[in-house]
Amino acid sequence: MLMLQTASLTGFLRTVLIIVLVYYAFKLLMRFLAPYMVRYMSKKMLERFEGQFQQQQNRQQQQYKEGETVIDKIPNHKKSSDKTVGEYVDYEEID
């Protein structure tokens, strides 16, 4: 059979009190734990960035010998002046 329960004022107040207590307990707990969590996350990020930097340095050292001249980019085309820009006009300033 289906049983219906009616809400009571004390049950409602007790539920609201539990929600408020859980909220403030979580807030207080995060106030103490947040610095440790941020420190841990920043330490992990620093380790990851240092690892990537070391890998990049190792790749560069393996590719090129010391004292070797390296040209990273060779220009594809020569720049030529465009003679069809127009006529040069000389002017004087008037005071």
PDB file of N, CA and C in Angstrom:
ATOM      1  N   MET A   1       0.815  -1.174   0.000  1.00  0.00           N
ATOM      2  CA  MET A   1       0.000   0.000   0.000  1.00  0.00           C
ATOM      3  C   MET A   1       0.870   1.253   0.000  1.00  0.00           C
ATOM      4  N   LEU A   2       0.309   2.295  -0.438  1.00  0.00           N
ATOM      5  CA  LEU A   2       0.998   3.569  -0.520  1.00  0.00           C
ATOM      6  C   LEU A   2       0.718   4.367   0.743  1.00  0.00           C
ATOM      7  N   MET A   3       1.820   4.787   1.397  1.00  0.00           N
ATOM      8  CA  MET A   3       1.651   5.557   2.631  1.00  0.00           C
ATOM      9  C   MET A   3       2.090   6.995   2.369  1.00  0.00           C
ATOM     10  N   LEU A   4       1.297   7.915   2.726  1.00  0.00           N
ATOM     11  CA  LEU A   4       1.624   9.325   2.567  1.00  0.00           C
ATOM     12  C   LEU A   4       2.123   9.867   3.895  1.00  0.00           C
ATOM     13  N   GLN A   5       3.213  10.658   3.804  1.00  0.00           N
ATOM     14  CA  GLN A   5       3.737  11.285   5.007  1.00  0.00           C
ATOM     15  C   GLN A   5       3.541  12.781   4.878  1.00  0.00           C
ATOM     16  N   THR A   6       3.220  13.386   5.957  1.00  0.00           N
ATOM     17  CA  THR A   6       3.046  14.830   5.938  1.00  0.00           C
ATOM     18  C   THR A   6       4.307  15.492   6.479  1.00  0.00           C
ATOM     19  N   ALA A   7       4.643  16.624   5.945  1.00  0.00           N
ATOM     20  CA  ALA A   7       5.823  17.356   6.374  1.00  0.00           C
ATOM     21  C   ALA A   7       5.510  18.105   7.656  1.00  0.00           C
ATOM     22  N   SER A   8       6.454  18.011   8.565  1.00  0.00           N
ATOM     23  CA  SER A   8       6.263  18.737   9.817  1.00  0.00           C
ATOM     24  C   SER A   8       7.243  19.900   9.871  1.00  0.00           C
ATOM     25  N   LEU A   9       6.921  20.860  10.678  1.00  0.00           N
ATOM     26  CA  LEU A   9       7.770  22.042  10.810  1.00  0.00           C
ATOM     27  C   LEU A   9       9.118  21.669  11.409  1.00  0.00           C
ATOM     28  N   THR A  10       9.152  20.768  12.377  1.00  0.00           N
ATOM     29  CA  THR A  10      10.427  20.376  12.998  1.00  0.00           C
ATOM     30  C   THR A  10      11.301  19.622  11.999  1.00  0.00           C
ATOM     31  N   GLY A  11      10.708  18.780  11.178  1.00  0.00           N
ATOM     32  CA  GLY A  11      11.487  18.069  10.160  1.00  0.00           C
ATOM     33  C   GLY A  11      12.084  19.036   9.143  1.00  0.00           C
ATOM     34  N   PHE A  12      11.306  20.026   8.750  1.00  0.00           N
ATOM     35  CA  PHE A  12      11.778  21.035   7.806  1.00  0.00           C
ATOM     36  C   PHE A  12      12.924  21.847   8.404  1.00  0.00           C
ATOM     37  N   LEU A  13      12.755  22.288   9.653  1.00  0.00           N
ATOM     38  CA  LEU A  13      13.812  23.071  10.313  1.00  0.00           C
ATOM     39  C   LEU A  13      15.077  22.243  10.494  1.00  0.00           C
ATOM     40  N   ARG A  14      14.908  20.984  10.828  1.00  0.00           N
ATOM     41  CA  ARG A  14      16.060  20.101  10.992  1.00  0.00           C
ATOM     42  C   ARG A  14      16.806  19.942   9.661  1.00  0.00           C
ATOM     43  N   THR A  15      16.085  19.807   8.556  1.00  0.00           N
ATOM     44  CA  THR A  15      16.701  19.677   7.242  1.00  0.00           C
ATOM     45  C   THR A  15      17.450  20.955   6.856  1.00  0.00           C
ATOM     46  N   VAL A  16      16.835  22.105   7.098  1.00  0.00           N
ATOM     47  CA  VAL A  16      17.492  23.379   6.799  1.00  0.00           C
ATOM     48  C   VAL A  16      18.738  23.545   7.662  1.00  0.00           C
ATOM     49  N   LEU A  17      18.661  23.176   8.939  1.00  0.00           N
ATOM     50  CA  LEU A  17      19.807  23.268   9.843  1.00  0.00           C
ATOM     51  C   LEU A  17      20.941  22.371   9.371  1.00  0.00           C
ATOM     52  N   ILE A  18      20.634  21.178   8.920  1.00  0.00           N
ATOM     53  CA  ILE A  18      21.670  20.255   8.425  1.00  0.00           C
ATOM     54  C   ILE A  18      22.333  20.834   7.180  1.00  0.00           C
ATOM     55  N   ILE A  19      21.538  21.387   6.283  1.00  0.00           N
ATOM     56  CA  ILE A  19      22.104  21.977   5.063  1.00  0.00           C
ATOM     57  C   ILE A  19      23.022  23.146   5.403  1.00  0.00           C
ATOM     58  N   VAL A  20      22.596  23.993   6.320  1.00  0.00           N
ATOM     59  CA  VAL A  20      23.414  25.148   6.714  1.00  0.00           C
ATOM     60  C   VAL A  20      24.702  24.678   7.397  1.00  0.00           C
ATOM     61  N   LEU A  21      24.617  23.688   8.273  1.00  0.00           N
ATOM     62  CA  LEU A  21      25.809  23.176   8.951  1.00  0.00           C
ATOM     63  C   LEU A  21      26.785  22.537   7.961  1.00  0.00           C
ATOM     64  N   VAL A  22      26.270  21.780   7.012  1.00  0.00           N
ATOM     65  CA  VAL A  22      27.143  21.170   6.006  1.00  0.00           C
ATOM     66  C   VAL A  22      27.820  22.250   5.178  1.00  0.00           C
ATOM     67  N   TYR A  23      27.088  23.286   4.810  1.00  0.00           N
ATOM     68  CA  TYR A  23      27.653  24.391   4.032  1.00  0.00           C
ATOM     69  C   TYR A  23      28.799  25.063   4.792  1.00  0.00           C
ATOM     70  N   TYR A  24      28.568  25.410   6.048  1.00  0.00           N
ATOM     71  CA  TYR A  24      29.608  26.090   6.821  1.00  0.00           C
ATOM     72  C   TYR A  24      30.776  25.162   7.147  1.00  0.00           C
ATOM     73  N   ALA A  25      30.514  23.894   7.353  1.00  0.00           N
ATOM     74  CA  ALA A  25      31.604  22.936   7.586  1.00  0.00           C
ATOM     75  C   ALA A  25      32.471  22.819   6.330  1.00  0.00           C
ATOM     76  N   PHE A  26      31.831  22.748   5.156  1.00  0.00           N
ATOM     77  CA  PHE A  26      32.581  22.682   3.903  1.00  0.00           C
ATOM     78  C   PHE A  26      33.392  23.953   3.688  1.00  0.00           C
ATOM     79  N   LYS A  27      32.787  25.094   3.984  1.00  0.00           N
ATOM     80  CA  LYS A  27      33.462  26.375   3.828  1.00  0.00           C
ATOM     81  C   LYS A  27      34.691  26.460   4.749  1.00  0.00           C
ATOM     82  N   LEU A  28      34.532  26.028   6.000  1.00  0.00           N
ATOM     83  CA  LEU A  28      35.635  26.051   6.957  1.00  0.00           C
ATOM     84  C   LEU A  28      36.727  25.067   6.547  1.00  0.00           C
ATOM     85  N   LEU A  29      36.337  23.899   6.096  1.00  0.00           N
ATOM     86  CA  LEU A  29      37.297  22.893   5.671  1.00  0.00           C
ATOM     87  C   LEU A  29      38.094  23.380   4.465  1.00  0.00           C
ATOM     88  N   MET A  30      37.429  24.018   3.520  1.00  0.00           N
ATOM     89  CA  MET A  30      38.118  24.531   2.338  1.00  0.00           C
ATOM     90  C   MET A  30      39.063  25.676   2.688  1.00  0.00           C
ATOM     91  N   ARG A  31      38.732  26.430   3.708  1.00  0.00           N
ATOM     92  CA  ARG A  31      39.610  27.518   4.124  1.00  0.00           C
ATOM     93  C   ARG A  31      40.960  26.968   4.593  1.00  0.00           C
ATOM     94  N   PHE A  32      40.949  25.802   5.233  1.00  0.00           N
ATOM     95  CA  PHE A  32      42.190  25.211   5.713  1.00  0.00           C
ATOM     96  C   PHE A  32      42.881  24.362   4.649  1.00  0.00           C
ATOM     97  N   LEU A  33      42.116  23.713   3.792  1.00  0.00           N
ATOM     98  CA  LEU A  33      42.713  22.813   2.804  1.00  0.00           C
ATOM     99  C   LEU A  33      43.086  23.496   1.495  1.00  0.00           C
ATOM    100  N   ALA A  34      42.482  24.604   1.166  1.00  0.00           N
ATOM    101  CA  ALA A  34      42.735  25.258  -0.123  1.00  0.00           C
ATOM    102  C   ALA A  34      44.207  25.639  -0.321  1.00  0.00           C
ATOM    103  N   PRO A  35      44.904  26.204   0.669  1.00  0.00           N
ATOM    104  CA  PRO A  35      46.325  26.530   0.436  1.00  0.00           C
ATOM    105  C   PRO A  35      47.161  25.293   0.105  1.00  0.00           C
ATOM    106  N   TYR A  36      46.879  24.165   0.752  1.00  0.00           N
ATOM    107  CA  TYR A  36      47.623  22.945   0.472  1.00  0.00           C
ATOM    108  C   TYR A  36      47.315  22.422  -0.927  1.00  0.00           C
ATOM    109  N   MET A  37      46.054  22.529  -1.330  1.00  0.00           N
ATOM    110  CA  MET A  37      45.675  22.072  -2.659  1.00  0.00           C
ATOM    111  C   MET A  37      46.306  22.947  -3.739  1.00  0.00           C
ATOM    112  N   VAL A  38      46.310  24.250  -3.535  1.00  0.00           N
ATOM    113  CA  VAL A  38      46.909  25.165  -4.514  1.00  0.00           C
ATOM    114  C   VAL A  38      48.415  24.932  -4.589  1.00  0.00           C
ATOM    115  N   ARG A  39      49.060  24.751  -3.451  1.00  0.00           N
ATOM    116  CA  ARG A  39      50.494  24.500  -3.426  1.00  0.00           C
ATOM    117  C   ARG A  39      50.820  23.199  -4.161  1.00  0.00           C
ATOM    118  N   TYR A  40      50.017  22.160  -3.937  1.00  0.00           N
ATOM    119  CA  TYR A  40      50.233  20.871  -4.591  1.00  0.00           C
ATOM    120  C   TYR A  40      50.062  21.004  -6.106  1.00  0.00           C
ATOM    121  N   MET A  41      49.012  21.709  -6.533  1.00  0.00           N
ATOM    122  CA  MET A  41      48.766  21.858  -7.970  1.00  0.00           C
ATOM    123  C   MET A  41      49.865  22.694  -8.637  1.00  0.00           C
ATOM    124  N   SER A  42      50.324  23.747  -7.971  1.00  0.00           N
ATOM    125  CA  SER A  42      51.381  24.569  -8.563  1.00  0.00           C
ATOM    126  C   SER A  42      52.691  23.791  -8.629  1.00  0.00           C
ATOM    127  N   LYS A  43      52.945  22.947  -7.643  1.00  0.00           N
ATOM    128  CA  LYS A  43      54.151  22.116  -7.653  1.00  0.00           C
ATOM    129  C   LYS A  43      54.111  21.127  -8.818  1.00  0.00           C
ATOM    130  N   LYS A  44      52.954  20.519  -9.055  1.00  0.00           N
ATOM    131  CA  LYS A  44      52.804  19.578 -10.160  1.00  0.00           C
ATOM    132  C   LYS A  44      52.972  20.289 -11.503  1.00  0.00           C
ATOM    133  N   MET A  45      52.397  21.493 -11.643  1.00  0.00           N
ATOM    134  CA  MET A  45      52.530  22.235 -12.892  1.00  0.00           C
ATOM    135  C   MET A  45      53.990  22.631 -13.133  1.00  0.00           C
ATOM    136  N   LEU A  46      54.682  23.041 -12.071  1.00  0.00           N
ATOM    137  CA  LEU A  46      56.089  23.408 -12.195  1.00  0.00           C
ATOM    138  C   LEU A  46      56.915  22.213 -12.644  1.00  0.00           C
ATOM    139  N   GLU A  47      56.656  21.044 -12.072  1.00  0.00           N
ATOM    140  CA  GLU A  47      57.380  19.836 -12.474  1.00  0.00           C
ATOM    141  C   GLU A  47      57.120  19.508 -13.941  1.00  0.00           C
ATOM    142  N   ARG A  48      55.885  19.654 -14.373  1.00  0.00           N
ATOM    143  CA  ARG A  48      55.551  19.359 -15.766  1.00  0.00           C
ATOM    144  C   ARG A  48      56.240  20.339 -16.710  1.00  0.00           C
ATOM    145  N   PHE A  49      56.242  21.631 -16.374  1.00  0.00           N
ATOM    146  CA  PHE A  49      56.889  22.622 -17.229  1.00  0.00           C
ATOM    147  C   PHE A  49      58.405  22.403 -17.263  1.00  0.00           C
ATOM    148  N   GLU A  50      59.001  22.066 -16.112  1.00  0.00           N
ATOM    149  CA  GLU A  50      60.434  21.801 -16.092  1.00  0.00           C
ATOM    150  C   GLU A  50      60.769  20.584 -16.944  1.00  0.00           C
ATOM    151  N   GLY A  51      59.917  19.567 -16.905  1.00  0.00           N
ATOM    152  CA  GLY A  51      60.131  18.382 -17.722  1.00  0.00           C
ATOM    153  C   GLY A  51      60.066  18.709 -19.201  1.00  0.00           C
ATOM    154  N   GLN A  52      59.092  19.524 -19.600  1.00  0.00           N
ATOM    155  CA  GLN A  52      58.983  19.922 -20.999  1.00  0.00           C
ATOM    156  C   GLN A  52      60.189  20.761 -21.418  1.00  0.00           C
ATOM    157  N   PHE A  53      60.652  21.629 -20.534  1.00  0.00           N
ATOM    158  CA  PHE A  53      61.818  22.457 -20.838  1.00  0.00           C
ATOM    159  C   PHE A  53      63.055  21.589 -21.016  1.00  0.00           C
ATOM    160  N   GLN A  54      63.238  20.605 -20.132  1.00  0.00           N
ATOM    161  CA  GLN A  54      64.384  19.705 -20.231  1.00  0.00           C
ATOM    162  C   GLN A  54      64.337  18.903 -21.528  1.00  0.00           C
ATOM    163  N   GLN A  55      63.150  18.435 -21.917  1.00  0.00           N
ATOM    164  CA  GLN A  55      63.024  17.690 -23.168  1.00  0.00           C
ATOM    165  C   GLN A  55      63.404  18.569 -24.352  1.00  0.00           C
ATOM    166  N   GLN A  56      62.959  19.820 -24.337  1.00  0.00           N
ATOM    167  CA  GLN A  56      63.280  20.739 -25.429  1.00  0.00           C
ATOM    168  C   GLN A  56      64.777  20.998 -25.484  1.00  0.00           C
ATOM    169  N   GLN A  57      65.400  21.194 -24.329  1.00  0.00           N
ATOM    170  CA  GLN A  57      66.840  21.435 -24.283  1.00  0.00           C
ATOM    171  C   GLN A  57      67.597  20.216 -24.791  1.00  0.00           C
ATOM    172  N   ASN A  58      67.169  19.022 -24.399  1.00  0.00           N
ATOM    173  CA  ASN A  58      67.842  17.806 -24.844  1.00  0.00           C
ATOM    174  C   ASN A  58      67.730  17.638 -26.352  1.00  0.00           C
ATOM    175  N   ARG A  59      66.554  17.939 -26.921  1.00  0.00           N
ATOM    176  CA  ARG A  59      66.387  17.837 -28.370  1.00  0.00           C
ATOM    177  C   ARG A  59      67.299  18.803 -29.103  1.00  0.00           C
ATOM    178  N   GLN A  60      67.392  20.026 -28.598  1.00  0.00           N
ATOM    179  CA  GLN A  60      68.243  21.011 -29.264  1.00  0.00           C
ATOM    180  C   GLN A  60      69.706  20.624 -29.158  1.00  0.00           C
ATOM    181  N   GLN A  61      70.133  20.086 -28.027  1.00  0.00           N
ATOM    182  CA  GLN A  61      71.524  19.697 -27.857  1.00  0.00           C
ATOM    183  C   GLN A  61      71.867  18.490 -28.721  1.00  0.00           C
ATOM    184  N   GLN A  62      70.918  17.591 -28.923  1.00  0.00           N
ATOM    185  CA  GLN A  62      71.179  16.413 -29.730  1.00  0.00           C
ATOM    186  C   GLN A  62      71.243  16.763 -31.210  1.00  0.00           C
ATOM    187  N   GLN A  63      70.470  17.726 -31.664  1.00  0.00           N
ATOM    188  CA  GLN A  63      70.438  18.079 -33.074  1.00  0.00           C
ATOM    189  C   GLN A  63      71.702  18.800 -33.520  1.00  0.00           C
ATOM    190  N   TYR A  64      72.189  19.720 -32.730  1.00  0.00           N
ATOM    191  CA  TYR A  64      73.289  20.573 -33.142  1.00  0.00           C
ATOM    192  C   TYR A  64      74.492  20.364 -32.239  1.00  0.00           C
ATOM    193  N   LYS A  65      75.658  20.371 -32.866  1.00  0.00           N
ATOM    194  CA  LYS A  65      76.897  20.270 -32.093  1.00  0.00           C
ATOM    195  C   LYS A  65      77.302  21.667 -31.652  1.00  0.00           C
ATOM    196  N   GLU A  66      78.135  21.746 -30.640  1.00  0.00           N
ATOM    197  CA  GLU A  66      78.563  23.033 -30.131  1.00  0.00           C
ATOM    198  C   GLU A  66      79.444  23.731 -31.159  1.00  0.00           C
ATOM    199  N   GLY A  67      79.172  24.999 -31.399  1.00  0.00           N
ATOM    200  CA  GLY A  67      79.929  25.775 -32.360  1.00  0.00           C
ATOM    201  C   GLY A  67      79.401  25.686 -33.772  1.00  0.00           C
ATOM    202  N   GLU A  68      78.394  24.874 -34.002  1.00  0.00           N
ATOM    203  CA  GLU A  68      77.830  24.716 -35.337  1.00  0.00           C
ATOM    204  C   GLU A  68      76.910  25.891 -35.644  1.00  0.00           C
ATOM    205  N   THR A  69      77.000  26.413 -36.859  1.00  0.00           N
ATOM    206  CA  THR A  69      76.142  27.512 -37.276  1.00  0.00           C
ATOM    207  C   THR A  69      74.838  26.949 -37.804  1.00  0.00           C
ATOM    208  N   VAL A  70      73.735  27.471 -37.286  1.00  0.00           N
ATOM    209  CA  VAL A  70      72.418  26.963 -37.665  1.00  0.00           C
ATOM    210  C   VAL A  70      71.609  28.115 -38.237  1.00  0.00           C
ATOM    211  N   ILE A  71      71.023  27.902 -39.418  1.00  0.00           N
ATOM    212  CA  ILE A  71      70.135  28.886 -40.025  1.00  0.00           C
ATOM    213  C   ILE A  71      68.730  28.330 -39.910  1.00  0.00           C
ATOM    214  N   ASP A  72      67.883  29.008 -39.143  1.00  0.00           N
ATOM    215  CA  ASP A  72      66.538  28.499 -38.893  1.00  0.00           C
ATOM    216  C   ASP A  72      65.610  28.707 -40.075  1.00  0.00           C
ATOM    217  N   LYS A  73      65.740  29.834 -40.776  1.00  0.00           N
ATOM    218  CA  LYS A  73      64.794  30.142 -41.843  1.00  0.00           C
ATOM    219  C   LYS A  73      65.532  30.756 -43.014  1.00  0.00           C
ATOM    220  N   ILE A  74      65.265  30.248 -44.173  1.00  0.00           N
ATOM    221  CA  ILE A  74      65.834  30.810 -45.393  1.00  0.00           C
ATOM    222  C   ILE A  74      64.695  31.525 -46.114  1.00  0.00           C
ATOM    223  N   PRO A  75      64.894  32.791 -46.503  1.00  0.00           N
ATOM    224  CA  PRO A  75      63.816  33.510 -47.175  1.00  0.00           C
ATOM    225  C   PRO A  75      63.448  32.834 -48.497  1.00  0.00           C
ATOM    226  N   ASN A  76      62.153  32.781 -48.771  1.00  0.00           N
ATOM    227  CA  ASN A  76      61.669  32.114 -49.977  1.00  0.00           C
ATOM    228  C   ASN A  76      61.839  32.960 -51.231  1.00  0.00           C
ATOM    229  N   HIS A  77      61.704  34.252 -51.125  1.00  0.00           N
ATOM    230  CA  HIS A  77      61.767  35.107 -52.306  1.00  0.00           C
ATOM    231  C   HIS A  77      62.506  36.394 -51.977  1.00  0.00           C
ATOM    232  N   LYS A  78      63.054  36.980 -53.025  1.00  0.00           N
ATOM    233  CA  LYS A  78      63.759  38.247 -52.849  1.00  0.00           C
ATOM    234  C   LYS A  78      62.751  39.378 -52.948  1.00  0.00           C
ATOM    235  N   LYS A  79      62.951  40.392 -52.171  1.00  0.00           N
ATOM    236  CA  LYS A  79      62.072  41.552 -52.233  1.00  0.00           C
ATOM    237  C   LYS A  79      62.537  42.449 -53.376  1.00  0.00           C
ATOM    238  N   SER A  80      61.626  42.772 -54.231  1.00  0.00           N
ATOM    239  CA  SER A  80      61.969  43.675 -55.325  1.00  0.00           C
ATOM    240  C   SER A  80      61.128  44.946 -55.175  1.00  0.00           C
ATOM    241  N   SER A  81      61.736  46.052 -55.550  1.00  0.00           N
ATOM    242  CA  SER A  81      60.997  47.306 -55.419  1.00  0.00           C
ATOM    243  C   SER A  81      60.008  47.427 -56.574  1.00  0.00           C
ATOM    244  N   ASP A  82      58.864  47.937 -56.265  1.00  0.00           N
ATOM    245  CA  ASP A  82      57.824  48.107 -57.265  1.00  0.00           C
ATOM    246  C   ASP A  82      57.969  49.501 -57.874  1.00  0.00           C
ATOM    247  N   LYS A  83      58.282  49.544 -59.134  1.00  0.00           N
ATOM    248  CA  LYS A  83      58.511  50.832 -59.799  1.00  0.00           C
ATOM    249  C   LYS A  83      57.216  51.526 -60.181  1.00  0.00           C
ATOM    250  N   THR A  84      56.098  50.876 -60.010  1.00  0.00           N
ATOM    251  CA  THR A  84      54.831  51.476 -60.414  1.00  0.00           C
ATOM    252  C   THR A  84      54.108  52.144 -59.253  1.00  0.00           C
ATOM    253  N   VAL A  85      54.871  52.569 -58.246  1.00  0.00           N
ATOM    254  CA  VAL A  85      54.234  53.150 -57.077  1.00  0.00           C
ATOM    255  C   VAL A  85      53.709  54.551 -57.349  1.00  0.00           C
ATOM    256  N   GLY A  86      54.366  55.260 -58.172  1.00  0.00           N
ATOM    257  CA  GLY A  86      53.908  56.609 -58.444  1.00  0.00           C
ATOM    258  C   GLY A  86      55.067  57.574 -58.573  1.00  0.00           C
ATOM    259  N   GLU A  87      54.745  58.846 -58.722  1.00  0.00           N
ATOM    260  CA  GLU A  87      55.754  59.870 -58.923  1.00  0.00           C
ATOM    261  C   GLU A  87      56.059  60.544 -57.592  1.00  0.00           C
ATOM    262  N   TYR A  88      57.347  60.829 -57.339  1.00  0.00           N
ATOM    263  CA  TYR A  88      57.749  61.504 -56.116  1.00  0.00           C
ATOM    264  C   TYR A  88      57.506  62.994 -56.266  1.00  0.00           C
ATOM    265  N   VAL A  89      56.866  63.587 -55.275  1.00  0.00           N
ATOM    266  CA  VAL A  89      56.567  65.020 -55.321  1.00  0.00           C
ATOM    267  C   VAL A  89      57.322  65.689 -54.192  1.00  0.00           C
ATOM    268  N   ASP A  90      58.147  66.663 -54.531  1.00  0.00           N
ATOM    269  CA  ASP A  90      58.897  67.416 -53.539  1.00  0.00           C
ATOM    270  C   ASP A  90      58.038  68.575 -53.061  1.00  0.00           C
ATOM    271  N   TYR A  91      58.066  68.851 -51.791  1.00  0.00           N
ATOM    272  CA  TYR A  91      57.232  69.933 -51.267  1.00  0.00           C
ATOM    273  C   TYR A  91      58.025  70.751 -50.266  1.00  0.00           C
ATOM    274  N   GLU A  92      57.571  71.962 -50.036  1.00  0.00           N
ATOM    275  CA  GLU A  92      58.162  72.854 -49.045  1.00  0.00           C
ATOM    276  C   GLU A  92      57.101  73.246 -48.051  1.00  0.00           C
ATOM    277  N   GLU A  93      57.538  73.393 -46.788  1.00  0.00           N
ATOM    278  CA  GLU A  93      56.599  73.815 -45.752  1.00  0.00           C
ATOM    279  C   GLU A  93      56.458  75.332 -45.776  1.00  0.00           C
ATOM    280  N   ILE A  94      55.256  75.814 -45.607  1.00  0.00           N
ATOM    281  CA  ILE A  94      54.991  77.248 -45.581  1.00  0.00           C
ATOM    282  C   ILE A  94      54.602  77.624 -44.146  1.00  0.00           C
ATOM    283  N   ASP A  95      55.322  78.623 -43.609  1.00  0.00           N
ATOM    284  CA  ASP A  95      55.027  79.050 -42.242  1.00  0.00           C
ATOM    285  C   ASP A  95      53.992  80.129 -42.198  1.00  0.00           C
TER     286      ASP A  95
END
